[in-house]
Amino acid sequence: MDPAERSALTALCAELPELRAECARRPEPARVLAVIEAEARARRPITALLEQLLGTPSDETVRQRSLSSRLPGSGPGRADEERFGCPDGACDRLAAAEPAGPVPRCPLTGDRLKPV
């Protein structure tokens, strides 16, 4: 699977309940989300459909921390968890931080971890 599509699918799966709740109030986004879900279940590409739903270009669509926050009318919300990874990608360690708290540092190098 294409890495961008894998990322888009990961984001969709992580935020599907929130997307469904946001789209339930609007007929057109709800229709597009239903198509996205069907395509995702069939393991076909969904990035272009997410662009249509969110109104963002593909390079932004797959990098979004929160797909549902890109829907028109939705507020910024409140993060319930922030995750960070290795600053240079040398390892797969992930660290969680309190929302809006300090960014964790690598115990080996002391560098700030990167958001994942």
PDB file of N, CA and C in Angstrom:
ATOM      1  N   MET A   1       0.851  -1.174   0.000  1.00  0.00           N
ATOM      2  CA  MET A   1       0.000   0.000   0.000  1.00  0.00           C
ATOM      3  C   MET A   1       0.898   1.239   0.000  1.00  0.00           C
ATOM      4  N   ASP A   2       0.502   2.239  -0.758  1.00  0.00           N
ATOM      5  CA  ASP A   2       1.205   3.515  -0.826  1.00  0.00           C
ATOM      6  C   ASP A   2       1.293   4.124   0.575  1.00  0.00           C
ATOM      7  N   PRO A   3       2.461   4.665   0.966  1.00  0.00           N
ATOM      8  CA  PRO A   3       2.607   5.225   2.320  1.00  0.00           C
ATOM      9  C   PRO A   3       1.600   6.343   2.635  1.00  0.00           C
ATOM     10  N   ALA A   4       1.294   7.183   1.663  1.00  0.00           N
ATOM     11  CA  ALA A   4       0.318   8.256   1.909  1.00  0.00           C
ATOM     12  C   ALA A   4      -1.074   7.681   2.159  1.00  0.00           C
ATOM     13  N   GLU A   5      -1.421   6.652   1.404  1.00  0.00           N
ATOM     14  CA  GLU A   5      -2.723   6.010   1.607  1.00  0.00           C
ATOM     15  C   GLU A   5      -2.761   5.287   2.951  1.00  0.00           C
ATOM     16  N   ARG A   6      -1.644   4.671   3.322  1.00  0.00           N
ATOM     17  CA  ARG A   6      -1.570   3.998   4.623  1.00  0.00           C
ATOM     18  C   ARG A   6      -1.768   5.005   5.749  1.00  0.00           C
ATOM     19  N   SER A   7      -1.137   6.155   5.611  1.00  0.00           N
ATOM     20  CA  SER A   7      -1.275   7.210   6.605  1.00  0.00           C
ATOM     21  C   SER A   7      -2.711   7.734   6.665  1.00  0.00           C
ATOM     22  N   ALA A   8      -3.305   7.918   5.502  1.00  0.00           N
ATOM     23  CA  ALA A   8      -4.685   8.399   5.458  1.00  0.00           C
ATOM     24  C   ALA A   8      -5.633   7.388   6.106  1.00  0.00           C
ATOM     25  N   LEU A   9      -5.414   6.113   5.836  1.00  0.00           N
ATOM     26  CA  LEU A   9      -6.249   5.069   6.432  1.00  0.00           C
ATOM     27  C   LEU A   9      -6.065   5.027   7.940  1.00  0.00           C
ATOM     28  N   THR A  10      -4.831   5.177   8.394  1.00  0.00           N
ATOM     29  CA  THR A  10      -4.559   5.196   9.827  1.00  0.00           C
ATOM     30  C   THR A  10      -5.304   6.341  10.498  1.00  0.00           C
ATOM     31  N   ALA A  11      -5.231   7.527   9.898  1.00  0.00           N
ATOM     32  CA  ALA A  11      -5.919   8.686  10.461  1.00  0.00           C
ATOM     33  C   ALA A  11      -7.433   8.491  10.442  1.00  0.00           C
ATOM     34  N   LEU A  12      -7.936   7.958   9.349  1.00  0.00           N
ATOM     35  CA  LEU A  12      -9.376   7.716   9.250  1.00  0.00           C
ATOM     36  C   LEU A  12      -9.835   6.762  10.345  1.00  0.00           C
ATOM     37  N   CYS A  13      -9.130   5.667  10.517  1.00  0.00           N
ATOM     38  CA  CYS A  13      -9.512   4.686  11.529  1.00  0.00           C
ATOM     39  C   CYS A  13      -9.463   5.280  12.938  1.00  0.00           C
ATOM     40  N   ALA A  14      -8.457   6.090  13.182  1.00  0.00           N
ATOM     41  CA  ALA A  14      -8.302   6.675  14.509  1.00  0.00           C
ATOM     42  C   ALA A  14      -9.400   7.678  14.839  1.00  0.00           C
ATOM     43  N   GLU A  15      -9.936   8.321  13.819  1.00  0.00           N
ATOM     44  CA  GLU A  15     -10.893   9.404  14.072  1.00  0.00           C
ATOM     45  C   GLU A  15     -12.285   9.169  13.516  1.00  0.00           C
ATOM     46  N   LEU A  16     -12.566   7.954  13.115  1.00  0.00           N
ATOM     47  CA  LEU A  16     -13.860   7.677  12.496  1.00  0.00           C
ATOM     48  C   LEU A  16     -15.053   8.051  13.369  1.00  0.00           C
ATOM     49  N   PRO A  17     -15.063   7.755  14.663  1.00  0.00           N
ATOM     50  CA  PRO A  17     -16.230   8.167  15.461  1.00  0.00           C
ATOM     51  C   PRO A  17     -16.459   9.689  15.445  1.00  0.00           C
ATOM     52  N   GLU A  18     -15.380  10.457  15.540  1.00  0.00           N
ATOM     53  CA  GLU A  18     -15.512  11.914  15.521  1.00  0.00           C
ATOM     54  C   GLU A  18     -15.976  12.405  14.151  1.00  0.00           C
ATOM     55  N   LEU A  19     -15.435  11.812  13.085  1.00  0.00           N
ATOM     56  CA  LEU A  19     -15.862  12.190  11.741  1.00  0.00           C
ATOM     57  C   LEU A  19     -17.337  11.880  11.530  1.00  0.00           C
ATOM     58  N   ARG A  20     -17.760  10.713  11.978  1.00  0.00           N
ATOM     59  CA  ARG A  20     -19.182  10.359  11.840  1.00  0.00           C
ATOM     60  C   ARG A  20     -20.074  11.346  12.586  1.00  0.00           C
ATOM     61  N   ALA A  21     -19.669  11.722  13.792  1.00  0.00           N
ATOM     62  CA  ALA A  21     -20.470  12.668  14.580  1.00  0.00           C
ATOM     63  C   ALA A  21     -20.548  14.023  13.885  1.00  0.00           C
ATOM     64  N   GLU A  22     -19.422  14.506  13.351  1.00  0.00           N
ATOM     65  CA  GLU A  22     -19.418  15.790  12.656  1.00  0.00           C
ATOM     66  C   GLU A  22     -20.245  15.738  11.381  1.00  0.00           C
ATOM     67  N   CYS A  23     -20.109  14.655  10.622  1.00  0.00           N
ATOM     68  CA  CYS A  23     -20.799  14.545   9.336  1.00  0.00           C
ATOM     69  C   CYS A  23     -22.288  14.246   9.486  1.00  0.00           C
ATOM     70  N   ALA A  24     -22.700  13.710  10.609  1.00  0.00           N
ATOM     71  CA  ALA A  24     -24.112  13.358  10.806  1.00  0.00           C
ATOM     72  C   ALA A  24     -25.013  14.580  10.717  1.00  0.00           C
ATOM     73  N   ARG A  25     -24.472  15.747  10.952  1.00  0.00           N
ATOM     74  CA  ARG A  25     -25.274  16.975  10.934  1.00  0.00           C
ATOM     75  C   ARG A  25     -25.366  17.610   9.563  1.00  0.00           C
ATOM     76  N   ARG A  26     -24.626  17.086   8.598  1.00  0.00           N
ATOM     77  CA  ARG A  26     -24.593  17.682   7.263  1.00  0.00           C
ATOM     78  C   ARG A  26     -24.748  16.586   6.208  1.00  0.00           C
ATOM     79  N   PRO A  27     -25.746  16.672   5.346  1.00  0.00           N
ATOM     80  CA  PRO A  27     -26.005  15.588   4.379  1.00  0.00           C
ATOM     81  C   PRO A  27     -24.859  15.354   3.384  1.00  0.00           C
ATOM     82  N   GLU A  28     -24.305  16.387   2.784  1.00  0.00           N
ATOM     83  CA  GLU A  28     -23.262  16.181   1.776  1.00  0.00           C
ATOM     84  C   GLU A  28     -21.996  15.572   2.376  1.00  0.00           C
ATOM     85  N   PRO A  29     -21.450  16.118   3.473  1.00  0.00           N
ATOM     86  CA  PRO A  29     -20.290  15.449   4.070  1.00  0.00           C
ATOM     87  C   PRO A  29     -20.591  14.019   4.517  1.00  0.00           C
ATOM     88  N   ALA A  30     -21.801  13.762   4.978  1.00  0.00           N
ATOM     89  CA  ALA A  30     -22.161  12.402   5.403  1.00  0.00           C
ATOM     90  C   ALA A  30     -22.120  11.449   4.211  1.00  0.00           C
ATOM     91  N   ARG A  31     -22.580  11.922   3.054  1.00  0.00           N
ATOM     92  CA  ARG A  31     -22.549  11.094   1.844  1.00  0.00           C
ATOM     93  C   ARG A  31     -21.107  10.791   1.444  1.00  0.00           C
ATOM     94  N   VAL A  32     -20.253  11.807   1.466  1.00  0.00           N
ATOM     95  CA  VAL A  32     -18.844  11.615   1.102  1.00  0.00           C
ATOM     96  C   VAL A  32     -18.167  10.662   2.095  1.00  0.00           C
ATOM     97  N   LEU A  33     -18.451  10.826   3.383  1.00  0.00           N
ATOM     98  CA  LEU A  33     -17.849   9.934   4.379  1.00  0.00           C
ATOM     99  C   LEU A  33     -18.293   8.492   4.157  1.00  0.00           C
ATOM    100  N   ALA A  34     -19.523   8.269   3.780  1.00  0.00           N
ATOM    101  CA  ALA A  34     -19.997   6.906   3.506  1.00  0.00           C
ATOM    102  C   ALA A  34     -19.215   6.281   2.346  1.00  0.00           C
ATOM    103  N   VAL A  35     -18.931   7.074   1.330  1.00  0.00           N
ATOM    104  CA  VAL A  35     -18.137   6.583   0.201  1.00  0.00           C
ATOM    105  C   VAL A  35     -16.712   6.285   0.666  1.00  0.00           C
ATOM    106  N   ILE A  36     -16.144   7.178   1.474  1.00  0.00           N
ATOM    107  CA  ILE A  36     -14.790   6.967   1.998  1.00  0.00           C
ATOM    108  C   ILE A  36     -14.725   5.669   2.790  1.00  0.00           C
ATOM    109  N   GLU A  37     -15.710   5.448   3.653  1.00  0.00           N
ATOM    110  CA  GLU A  37     -15.728   4.220   4.452  1.00  0.00           C
ATOM    111  C   GLU A  37     -15.793   2.982   3.566  1.00  0.00           C
ATOM    112  N   ALA A  38     -16.634   3.024   2.540  1.00  0.00           N
ATOM    113  CA  ALA A  38     -16.758   1.876   1.639  1.00  0.00           C
ATOM    114  C   ALA A  38     -15.444   1.616   0.901  1.00  0.00           C
ATOM    115  N   GLU A  39     -14.820   2.667   0.413  1.00  0.00           N
ATOM    116  CA  GLU A  39     -13.546   2.518  -0.290  1.00  0.00           C
ATOM    117  C   GLU A  39     -12.463   2.006   0.654  1.00  0.00           C
ATOM    118  N   ALA A  40     -12.446   2.515   1.871  1.00  0.00           N
ATOM    119  CA  ALA A  40     -11.446   2.086   2.849  1.00  0.00           C
ATOM    120  C   ALA A  40     -11.633   0.609   3.202  1.00  0.00           C
ATOM    121  N   ARG A  41     -12.873   0.188   3.371  1.00  0.00           N
ATOM    122  CA  ARG A  41     -13.134  -1.232   3.656  1.00  0.00           C
ATOM    123  C   ARG A  41     -12.646  -2.125   2.516  1.00  0.00           C
ATOM    124  N   ALA A  42     -12.776  -1.628   1.292  1.00  0.00           N
ATOM    125  CA  ALA A  42     -12.330  -2.388   0.120  1.00  0.00           C
ATOM    126  C   ALA A  42     -10.829  -2.220  -0.122  1.00  0.00           C
ATOM    127  N   ARG A  43     -10.179  -1.446   0.741  1.00  0.00           N
ATOM    128  CA  ARG A  43      -8.739  -1.179   0.662  1.00  0.00           C
ATOM    129  C   ARG A  43      -8.352  -0.505  -0.651  1.00  0.00           C
ATOM    130  N   ARG A  44      -9.237   0.395  -1.105  1.00  0.00           N
ATOM    131  CA  ARG A  44      -8.933   1.213  -2.275  1.00  0.00           C
ATOM    132  C   ARG A  44      -8.506   2.597  -1.786  1.00  0.00           C
ATOM    133  N   PRO A  45      -7.826   3.387  -2.619  1.00  0.00           N
ATOM    134  CA  PRO A  45      -7.331   4.710  -2.214  1.00  0.00           C
ATOM    135  C   PRO A  45      -8.445   5.635  -1.715  1.00  0.00           C
ATOM    136  N   ILE A  46      -8.132   6.374  -0.634  1.00  0.00           N
ATOM    137  CA  ILE A  46      -9.119   7.291  -0.054  1.00  0.00           C
ATOM    138  C   ILE A  46      -8.612   8.727   0.061  1.00  0.00           C
ATOM    139  N   THR A  47      -7.348   8.970  -0.257  1.00  0.00           N
ATOM    140  CA  THR A  47      -6.786  10.301  -0.051  1.00  0.00           C
ATOM    141  C   THR A  47      -7.551  11.365  -0.819  1.00  0.00           C
ATOM    142  N   ALA A  48      -7.860  11.119  -2.088  1.00  0.00           N
ATOM    143  CA  ALA A  48      -8.592  12.108  -2.891  1.00  0.00           C
ATOM    144  C   ALA A  48      -9.976  12.365  -2.304  1.00  0.00           C
ATOM    145  N   LEU A  49     -10.615  11.326  -1.789  1.00  0.00           N
ATOM    146  CA  LEU A  49     -11.935  11.506  -1.169  1.00  0.00           C
ATOM    147  C   LEU A  49     -11.824  12.302   0.122  1.00  0.00           C
ATOM    148  N   LEU A  50     -10.757  12.067   0.899  1.00  0.00           N
ATOM    149  CA  LEU A  50     -10.551  12.860   2.110  1.00  0.00           C
ATOM    150  C   LEU A  50     -10.314  14.327   1.757  1.00  0.00           C
ATOM    151  N   GLU A  51      -9.601  14.576   0.655  1.00  0.00           N
ATOM    152  CA  GLU A  51      -9.415  15.950   0.181  1.00  0.00           C
ATOM    153  C   GLU A  51     -10.770  16.599  -0.060  1.00  0.00           C
ATOM    154  N   GLN A  52     -11.646  15.873  -0.721  1.00  0.00           N
ATOM    155  CA  GLN A  52     -12.985  16.386  -1.025  1.00  0.00           C
ATOM    156  C   GLN A  52     -13.760  16.664   0.269  1.00  0.00           C
ATOM    157  N   LEU A  53     -13.707  15.759   1.214  1.00  0.00           N
ATOM    158  CA  LEU A  53     -14.432  15.916   2.469  1.00  0.00           C
ATOM    159  C   LEU A  53     -13.897  17.095   3.277  1.00  0.00           C
ATOM    160  N   LEU A  54     -12.575  17.193   3.359  1.00  0.00           N
ATOM    161  CA  LEU A  54     -11.952  18.182   4.235  1.00  0.00           C
ATOM    162  C   LEU A  54     -11.635  19.496   3.544  1.00  0.00           C
ATOM    163  N   GLY A  55     -11.660  19.506   2.215  1.00  0.00           N
ATOM    164  CA  GLY A  55     -11.339  20.725   1.483  1.00  0.00           C
ATOM    165  C   GLY A  55      -9.875  21.107   1.596  1.00  0.00           C
ATOM    166  N   THR A  56      -8.985  20.111   1.619  1.00  0.00           N
ATOM    167  CA  THR A  56      -7.552  20.371   1.729  1.00  0.00           C
ATOM    168  C   THR A  56      -6.823  19.662   0.612  1.00  0.00           C
ATOM    169  N   PRO A  57      -5.662  20.200   0.213  1.00  0.00           N
ATOM    170  CA  PRO A  57      -4.850  19.476  -0.774  1.00  0.00           C
ATOM    171  C   PRO A  57      -4.289  18.190  -0.185  1.00  0.00           C
ATOM    172  N   SER A  58      -3.936  17.238  -1.041  1.00  0.00           N
ATOM    173  CA  SER A  58      -3.516  15.920  -0.569  1.00  0.00           C
ATOM    174  C   SER A  58      -2.317  15.972   0.360  1.00  0.00           C
ATOM    175  N   ASP A  59      -1.360  16.873   0.108  1.00  0.00           N
ATOM    176  CA  ASP A  59      -0.191  16.895   0.987  1.00  0.00           C
ATOM    177  C   ASP A  59      -0.553  17.340   2.391  1.00  0.00           C
ATOM    178  N   GLU A  60      -1.604  18.137   2.540  1.00  0.00           N
ATOM    179  CA  GLU A  60      -2.067  18.523   3.878  1.00  0.00           C
ATOM    180  C   GLU A  60      -2.989  17.473   4.474  1.00  0.00           C
ATOM    181  N   THR A  61      -3.786  16.826   3.649  1.00  0.00           N
ATOM    182  CA  THR A  61      -4.771  15.864   4.136  1.00  0.00           C
ATOM    183  C   THR A  61      -4.123  14.758   4.941  1.00  0.00           C
ATOM    184  N   VAL A  62      -3.061  14.173   4.434  1.00  0.00           N
ATOM    185  CA  VAL A  62      -2.449  13.043   5.125  1.00  0.00           C
ATOM    186  C   VAL A  62      -1.556  13.473   6.273  1.00  0.00           C
ATOM    187  N   ARG A  63      -1.231  14.762   6.390  1.00  0.00           N
ATOM    188  CA  ARG A  63      -0.396  15.230   7.488  1.00  0.00           C
ATOM    189  C   ARG A  63      -1.208  15.781   8.644  1.00  0.00           C
ATOM    190  N   GLN A  64      -2.507  15.870   8.499  1.00  0.00           N
ATOM    191  CA  GLN A  64      -3.335  16.456   9.545  1.00  0.00           C
ATOM    192  C   GLN A  64      -3.276  15.628  10.809  1.00  0.00           C
ATOM    193  N   ARG A  65      -3.138  16.299  11.939  1.00  0.00           N
ATOM    194  CA  ARG A  65      -3.207  15.602  13.225  1.00  0.00           C
ATOM    195  C   ARG A  65      -4.641  15.153  13.489  1.00  0.00           C
ATOM    196  N   SER A  66      -5.588  15.934  13.035  1.00  0.00           N
ATOM    197  CA  SER A  66      -6.974  15.617  13.313  1.00  0.00           C
ATOM    198  C   SER A  66      -7.808  15.850  12.067  1.00  0.00           C
ATOM    199  N   LEU A  67      -8.293  14.784  11.465  1.00  0.00           N
ATOM    200  CA  LEU A  67      -9.124  14.930  10.275  1.00  0.00           C
ATOM    201  C   LEU A  67     -10.405  15.671  10.588  1.00  0.00           C
ATOM    202  N   SER A  68     -11.058  15.334  11.702  1.00  0.00           N
ATOM    203  CA  SER A  68     -12.344  15.943  12.009  1.00  0.00           C
ATOM    204  C   SER A  68     -12.223  17.428  12.291  1.00  0.00           C
ATOM    205  N   SER A  69     -11.066  17.898  12.716  1.00  0.00           N
ATOM    206  CA  SER A  69     -10.927  19.330  12.992  1.00  0.00           C
ATOM    207  C   SER A  69     -10.874  20.138  11.713  1.00  0.00           C
ATOM    208  N   ARG A  70     -10.706  19.515  10.558  1.00  0.00           N
ATOM    209  CA  ARG A  70     -10.651  20.219   9.285  1.00  0.00           C
ATOM    210  C   ARG A  70     -12.032  20.401   8.682  1.00  0.00           C
ATOM    211  N   LEU A  71     -13.063  19.806   9.261  1.00  0.00           N
ATOM    212  CA  LEU A  71     -14.401  19.979   8.727  1.00  0.00           C
ATOM    213  C   LEU A  71     -14.910  21.377   9.040  1.00  0.00           C
ATOM    214  N   PRO A  72     -15.579  22.014   8.079  1.00  0.00           N
ATOM    215  CA  PRO A  72     -16.126  23.347   8.339  1.00  0.00           C
ATOM    216  C   PRO A  72     -17.084  23.317   9.531  1.00  0.00           C
ATOM    217  N   GLY A  73     -16.944  24.299  10.391  1.00  0.00           N
ATOM    218  CA  GLY A  73     -17.839  24.416  11.535  1.00  0.00           C
ATOM    219  C   GLY A  73     -17.363  23.714  12.777  1.00  0.00           C
ATOM    220  N   SER A  74     -16.316  22.928  12.672  1.00  0.00           N
ATOM    221  CA  SER A  74     -15.826  22.263  13.873  1.00  0.00           C
ATOM    222  C   SER A  74     -14.773  23.126  14.534  1.00  0.00           C
ATOM    223  N   GLY A  75     -14.773  23.113  15.833  1.00  0.00           N
ATOM    224  CA  GLY A  75     -13.828  23.918  16.585  1.00  0.00           C
ATOM    225  C   GLY A  75     -12.503  23.215  16.745  1.00  0.00           C
ATOM    226  N   PRO A  76     -11.546  23.902  17.337  1.00  0.00           N
ATOM    227  CA  PRO A  76     -10.235  23.293  17.499  1.00  0.00           C
ATOM    228  C   PRO A  76     -10.228  22.139  18.481  1.00  0.00           C
ATOM    229  N   GLY A  77     -11.188  22.091  19.373  1.00  0.00           N
ATOM    230  CA  GLY A  77     -11.276  20.995  20.329  1.00  0.00           C
ATOM    231  C   GLY A  77     -10.160  21.038  21.348  1.00  0.00           C
ATOM    232  N   ARG A  78      -9.999  19.932  22.030  1.00  0.00           N
ATOM    233  CA  ARG A  78      -8.967  19.818  23.051  1.00  0.00           C
ATOM    234  C   ARG A  78      -8.274  18.480  22.866  1.00  0.00           C
ATOM    235  N   ALA A  79      -6.989  18.512  22.749  1.00  0.00           N
ATOM    236  CA  ALA A  79      -6.238  17.277  22.554  1.00  0.00           C
ATOM    237  C   ALA A  79      -6.340  16.425  23.809  1.00  0.00           C
ATOM    238  N   ASP A  80      -6.504  15.122  23.624  1.00  0.00           N
ATOM    239  CA  ASP A  80      -6.537  14.255  24.792  1.00  0.00           C
ATOM    240  C   ASP A  80      -5.229  13.472  24.916  1.00  0.00           C
ATOM    241  N   GLU A  81      -4.383  13.546  23.915  1.00  0.00           N
ATOM    242  CA  GLU A  81      -3.098  12.881  23.981  1.00  0.00           C
ATOM    243  C   GLU A  81      -2.222  13.403  22.855  1.00  0.00           C
ATOM    244  N   GLU A  82      -0.971  13.652  23.160  1.00  0.00           N
ATOM    245  CA  GLU A  82      -0.011  14.020  22.141  1.00  0.00           C
ATOM    246  C   GLU A  82       1.089  12.972  22.175  1.00  0.00           C
ATOM    247  N   ARG A  83       1.505  12.496  20.990  1.00  0.00           N
ATOM    248  CA  ARG A  83       2.529  11.463  20.912  1.00  0.00           C
ATOM    249  C   ARG A  83       3.716  11.988  20.134  1.00  0.00           C
ATOM    250  N   PHE A  84       4.877  11.573  20.557  1.00  0.00           N
ATOM    251  CA  PHE A  84       6.118  12.028  19.953  1.00  0.00           C
ATOM    252  C   PHE A  84       7.029  10.835  19.687  1.00  0.00           C
ATOM    253  N   GLY A  85       7.850  10.969  18.639  1.00  0.00           N
ATOM    254  CA  GLY A  85       8.762   9.912  18.275  1.00  0.00           C
ATOM    255  C   GLY A  85      10.190  10.400  18.161  1.00  0.00           C
ATOM    256  N   CYS A  86      11.048   9.479  17.852  1.00  0.00           N
ATOM    257  CA  CYS A  86      12.488   9.711  17.748  1.00  0.00           C
ATOM    258  C   CYS A  86      12.781  10.927  16.865  1.00  0.00           C
ATOM    259  N   PRO A  87      13.657  11.830  17.323  1.00  0.00           N
ATOM    260  CA  PRO A  87      13.937  13.041  16.557  1.00  0.00           C
ATOM    261  C   PRO A  87      14.553  12.784  15.181  1.00  0.00           C
ATOM    262  N   ASP A  88      15.292  11.709  15.016  1.00  0.00           N
ATOM    263  CA  ASP A  88      15.887  11.451  13.704  1.00  0.00           C
ATOM    264  C   ASP A  88      15.426  10.125  13.107  1.00  0.00           C
ATOM    265  N   GLY A  89      14.410   9.505  13.696  1.00  0.00           N
ATOM    266  CA  GLY A  89      13.850   8.273  13.167  1.00  0.00           C
ATOM    267  C   GLY A  89      14.702   7.040  13.366  1.00  0.00           C
ATOM    268  N   ALA A  90      15.675   7.112  14.239  1.00  0.00           N
ATOM    269  CA  ALA A  90      16.571   5.978  14.457  1.00  0.00           C
ATOM    270  C   ALA A  90      15.901   4.843  15.218  1.00  0.00           C
ATOM    271  N   CYS A  91      14.868   5.145  15.991  1.00  0.00           N
ATOM    272  CA  CYS A  91      14.173   4.094  16.733  1.00  0.00           C
ATOM    273  C   CYS A  91      12.664   4.297  16.606  1.00  0.00           C
ATOM    274  N   ASP A  92      11.904   3.336  17.085  1.00  0.00           N
ATOM    275  CA  ASP A  92      10.445   3.389  17.000  1.00  0.00           C
ATOM    276  C   ASP A  92       9.793   3.802  18.304  1.00  0.00           C
ATOM    277  N   ARG A  93      10.570   4.305  19.243  1.00  0.00           N
ATOM    278  CA  ARG A  93      10.016   4.711  20.539  1.00  0.00           C
ATOM    279  C   ARG A  93       9.001   5.825  20.357  1.00  0.00           C
ATOM    280  N   LEU A  94       7.920   5.716  21.095  1.00  0.00           N
ATOM    281  CA  LEU A  94       6.906   6.760  21.143  1.00  0.00           C
ATOM    282  C   LEU A  94       6.748   7.199  22.585  1.00  0.00           C
ATOM    283  N   ALA A  95       6.517   8.472  22.771  1.00  0.00           N
ATOM    284  CA  ALA A  95       6.296   9.012  24.111  1.00  0.00           C
ATOM    285  C   ALA A  95       5.043   9.866  24.080  1.00  0.00           C
ATOM    286  N   ALA A  96       4.289   9.817  25.152  1.00  0.00           N
ATOM    287  CA  ALA A  96       3.096  10.643  25.273  1.00  0.00           C
ATOM    288  C   ALA A  96       3.420  11.848  26.144  1.00  0.00           C
ATOM    289  N   ALA A  97       2.701  12.925  25.902  1.00  0.00           N
ATOM    290  CA  ALA A  97       2.873  14.138  26.694  1.00  0.00           C
ATOM    291  C   ALA A  97       1.501  14.660  27.074  1.00  0.00           C
ATOM    292  N   GLU A  98       1.445  15.396  28.135  1.00  0.00           N
ATOM    293  CA  GLU A  98       0.198  16.049  28.524  1.00  0.00           C
ATOM    294  C   GLU A  98      -0.165  17.067  27.451  1.00  0.00           C
ATOM    295  N   PRO A  99      -1.447  17.215  27.122  1.00  0.00           N
ATOM    296  CA  PRO A  99      -1.835  18.207  26.135  1.00  0.00           C
ATOM    297  C   PRO A  99      -1.291  19.584  26.509  1.00  0.00           C
ATOM    298  N   ALA A 100      -0.663  20.224  25.534  1.00  0.00           N
ATOM    299  CA  ALA A 100      -0.062  21.553  25.680  1.00  0.00           C
ATOM    300  C   ALA A 100       1.076  21.564  26.696  1.00  0.00           C
ATOM    301  N   GLY A 101       1.556  20.401  27.097  1.00  0.00           N
ATOM    302  CA  GLY A 101       2.680  20.313  28.030  1.00  0.00           C
ATOM    303  C   GLY A 101       3.996  20.350  27.288  1.00  0.00           C
ATOM    304  N   PRO A 102       5.092  20.220  28.003  1.00  0.00           N
ATOM    305  CA  PRO A 102       6.395  20.252  27.349  1.00  0.00           C
ATOM    306  C   PRO A 102       6.612  19.030  26.461  1.00  0.00           C
ATOM    307  N   VAL A 103       7.368  19.244  25.395  1.00  0.00           N
ATOM    308  CA  VAL A 103       7.683  18.159  24.477  1.00  0.00           C
ATOM    309  C   VAL A 103       8.724  17.256  25.143  1.00  0.00           C
ATOM    310  N   PRO A 104       8.489  15.944  25.133  1.00  0.00           N
ATOM    311  CA  PRO A 104       9.474  15.028  25.724  1.00  0.00           C
ATOM    312  C   PRO A 104      10.801  15.088  24.979  1.00  0.00           C
ATOM    313  N   ARG A 105      11.848  14.674  25.659  1.00  0.00           N
ATOM    314  CA  ARG A 105      13.186  14.667  25.073  1.00  0.00           C
ATOM    315  C   ARG A 105      13.718  13.248  24.979  1.00  0.00           C
ATOM    316  N   CYS A 106      14.595  13.038  24.035  1.00  0.00           N
ATOM    317  CA  CYS A 106      15.242  11.750  23.861  1.00  0.00           C
ATOM    318  C   CYS A 106      16.151  11.500  25.061  1.00  0.00           C
ATOM    319  N   PRO A 107      16.007  10.352  25.704  1.00  0.00           N
ATOM    320  CA  PRO A 107      16.859  10.088  26.864  1.00  0.00           C
ATOM    321  C   PRO A 107      18.329   9.885  26.480  1.00  0.00           C
ATOM    322  N   LEU A 108      18.588   9.575  25.222  1.00  0.00           N
ATOM    323  CA  LEU A 108      19.949   9.329  24.772  1.00  0.00           C
ATOM    324  C   LEU A 108      20.652  10.613  24.344  1.00  0.00           C
ATOM    325  N   THR A 109      19.984  11.429  23.511  1.00  0.00           N
ATOM    326  CA  THR A 109      20.617  12.630  22.968  1.00  0.00           C
ATOM    327  C   THR A 109      20.184  13.915  23.638  1.00  0.00           C
ATOM    328  N   GLY A 110      19.039  13.890  24.302  1.00  0.00           N
ATOM    329  CA  GLY A 110      18.497  15.093  24.911  1.00  0.00           C
ATOM    330  C   GLY A 110      17.726  15.969  23.940  1.00  0.00           C
ATOM    331  N   ASP A 111      17.659  15.582  22.660  1.00  0.00           N
ATOM    332  CA  ASP A 111      16.911  16.349  21.661  1.00  0.00           C
ATOM    333  C   ASP A 111      15.414  16.210  21.877  1.00  0.00           C
ATOM    334  N   ARG A 112      14.685  17.250  21.482  1.00  0.00           N
ATOM    335  CA  ARG A 112      13.223  17.194  21.566  1.00  0.00           C
ATOM    336  C   ARG A 112      12.703  16.142  20.607  1.00  0.00           C
ATOM    337  N   LEU A 113      11.754  15.351  21.062  1.00  0.00           N
ATOM    338  CA  LEU A 113      11.117  14.368  20.197  1.00  0.00           C
ATOM    339  C   LEU A 113      10.219  15.092  19.203  1.00  0.00           C
ATOM    340  N   LYS A 114       9.968  14.453  18.068  1.00  0.00           N
ATOM    341  CA  LYS A 114       9.118  15.031  17.012  1.00  0.00           C
ATOM    342  C   LYS A 114       7.696  14.518  17.171  1.00  0.00           C
ATOM    343  N   PRO A 115       6.705  15.364  16.891  1.00  0.00           N
ATOM    344  CA  PRO A 115       5.312  14.896  16.922  1.00  0.00           C
ATOM    345  C   PRO A 115       5.108  13.801  15.885  1.00  0.00           C
ATOM    346  N   VAL A 116       4.325  12.797  16.269  1.00  0.00           N
ATOM    347  CA  VAL A 116       3.982  11.723  15.322  1.00  0.00           C
ATOM    348  C   VAL A 116       2.487  11.643  15.172  1.00  0.00           C
TER     349      VAL A 116
END
